[in-house]
C-alpha atoms as a PDB file:
ATOM      1  CA  UNK A   1      32.160  10.432 -38.409  1.00  0.00           C
ATOM      2  CA  UNK A   2      32.832   7.031 -37.801  1.00  0.00           C
ATOM      3  CA  UNK A   3      35.584   6.593 -34.469  1.00  0.00           C
ATOM      4  CA  UNK A   4      36.432   2.706 -34.019  1.00  0.00           C
ATOM      5  CA  UNK A   5      39.547   2.105 -31.574  1.00  0.00           C
ATOM      6  CA  UNK A   6      40.166   3.015 -28.144  1.00  0.00           C
ATOM      7  CA  UNK A   7      41.318   5.952 -26.317  1.00  0.00           C
ATOM      8  CA  UNK A   8      44.068   5.829 -23.145  1.00  0.00           C
ATOM      9  CA  UNK A   9      43.765   8.344 -20.232  1.00  0.00           C
ATOM     10  CA  UNK A  10      46.154   8.463 -18.037  1.00  0.00           C
ATOM     11  CA  UNK A  11      47.319  10.878 -14.998  1.00  0.00           C
ATOM     12  CA  UNK A  12      51.070  11.853 -14.394  1.00  0.00           C
ATOM     13  CA  UNK A  13      52.600  13.042 -10.822  1.00  0.00           C
ATOM     14  CA  UNK A  14      53.191  16.756 -11.491  1.00  0.00           C
ATOM     15  CA  UNK A  15      56.165  16.802  -9.051  1.00  0.00           C
ATOM     16  CA  UNK A  16      59.864  17.380  -9.193  1.00  0.00           C
ATOM     17  CA  UNK A  17      61.384  14.756 -11.843  1.00  0.00           C
ATOM     18  CA  UNK A  18      60.889  12.290 -12.299  1.00  0.00           C
ATOM     19  CA  UNK A  19      57.383  12.297 -14.020  1.00  0.00           C
ATOM     20  CA  UNK A  20      55.434   9.004 -13.370  1.00  0.00           C
ATOM     21  CA  UNK A  21      52.413   7.791 -15.164  1.00  0.00           C
ATOM     22  CA  UNK A  22      50.143   6.734 -11.921  1.00  0.00           C
ATOM     23  CA  UNK A  23      47.019   5.589 -13.569  1.00  0.00           C
ATOM     24  CA  UNK A  24      45.880   4.571 -16.575  1.00  0.00           C
ATOM     25  CA  UNK A  25      42.662   3.751 -18.464  1.00  0.00           C
ATOM     26  CA  UNK A  26      41.299   1.901 -21.263  1.00  0.00           C
ATOM     27  CA  UNK A  27      38.180   3.322 -23.171  1.00  0.00           C
ATOM     28  CA  UNK A  28      36.234   3.568 -26.082  1.00  0.00           C
ATOM     29  CA  UNK A  29      36.699   6.240 -28.596  1.00  0.00           C
ATOM     30  CA  UNK A  30      33.769   7.428 -28.448  1.00  0.00           C
ATOM     31  CA  UNK A  31      33.572   7.942 -24.044  1.00  0.00           C
ATOM     32  CA  UNK A  32      34.430  11.581 -23.605  1.00  0.00           C
ATOM     33  CA  UNK A  33      36.868  12.426 -21.340  1.00  0.00           C
ATOM     34  CA  UNK A  34      35.120  14.296 -18.062  1.00  0.00           C
ATOM     35  CA  UNK A  35      33.490  10.494 -17.411  1.00  0.00           C
ATOM     36  CA  UNK A  36      36.427   9.380 -16.666  1.00  0.00           C
ATOM     37  CA  UNK A  37      37.680  12.917 -13.973  1.00  0.00           C
ATOM     38  CA  UNK A  38      35.370  11.060 -10.889  1.00  0.00           C
ATOM     39  CA  UNK A  39      37.440   7.896 -11.495  1.00  0.00           C
ATOM     40  CA  UNK A  40      40.944   8.774 -11.541  1.00  0.00           C
ATOM     41  CA  UNK A  41      40.329  10.640  -8.721  1.00  0.00           C
ATOM     42  CA  UNK A  42      38.990   7.229  -6.476  1.00  0.00           C
ATOM     43  CA  UNK A  43      41.953   5.583  -8.451  1.00  0.00           C
ATOM     44  CA  UNK A  44      44.504   8.317  -7.130  1.00  0.00           C
ATOM     45  CA  UNK A  45      43.033   8.400  -3.648  1.00  0.00           C
ATOM     46  CA  UNK A  46      42.323   4.983  -3.045  1.00  0.00           C
ATOM     47  CA  UNK A  47      47.218   4.461  -3.891  1.00  0.00           C
ATOM     48  CA  UNK A  48      47.472   7.298  -1.098  1.00  0.00           C
ATOM     49  CA  UNK A  49      47.052  10.649  -3.389  1.00  0.00           C
ATOM     50  CA  UNK A  50      45.985  13.692  -1.269  1.00  0.00           C
ATOM     51  CA  UNK A  51      42.682  13.951  -2.537  1.00  0.00           C
ATOM     52  CA  UNK A  52      41.964  17.062  -0.192  1.00  0.00           C
ATOM     53  CA  UNK A  53      40.840  19.162  -3.019  1.00  0.00           C
ATOM     54  CA  UNK A  54      40.182  17.045  -6.586  1.00  0.00           C
ATOM     55  CA  UNK A  55      39.306  20.521  -7.925  1.00  0.00           C
ATOM     56  CA  UNK A  56      42.947  21.852  -7.441  1.00  0.00           C
ATOM     57  CA  UNK A  57      43.940  18.892  -9.461  1.00  0.00           C
ATOM     58  CA  UNK A  58      46.070  19.681 -12.527  1.00  0.00           C
ATOM     59  CA  UNK A  59      43.826  18.435 -15.550  1.00  0.00           C
ATOM     60  CA  UNK A  60      43.653  17.960 -19.437  1.00  0.00           C
ATOM     61  CA  UNK A  61      41.453  20.859 -20.771  1.00  0.00           C
ATOM     62  CA  UNK A  62      39.770  18.658 -22.495  1.00  0.00           C
ATOM     63  CA  UNK A  63      39.003  16.511 -18.716  1.00  0.00           C
ATOM     64  CA  UNK A  64      37.249  19.303 -16.800  1.00  0.00           C
ATOM     65  CA  UNK A  65      33.751  18.879 -15.939  1.00  0.00           C
ATOM     66  CA  UNK A  66      31.802  21.336 -16.808  1.00  0.00           C
END
C-alpha cells in the first residue's frame, strides 16, 4: 500500500463553548499519531495550558502511546 500526502494532527479545548483548536501539526501521512503526543503537550504547556497530569488529557484513540 502506498500512502502519499500529509496528515494534520490537532488539539481542541474540551471546556464549555466555544471549542477552540489550540494546536496544529502537519506531518507526512506515514507518521504515526503516537509520535506527536509529547510535542502536542509541549506546545500546550508553552501556551499556558495546565499540564500537571498530561495522562488525563483527552486524546484521540490513535494518539495514545503504548
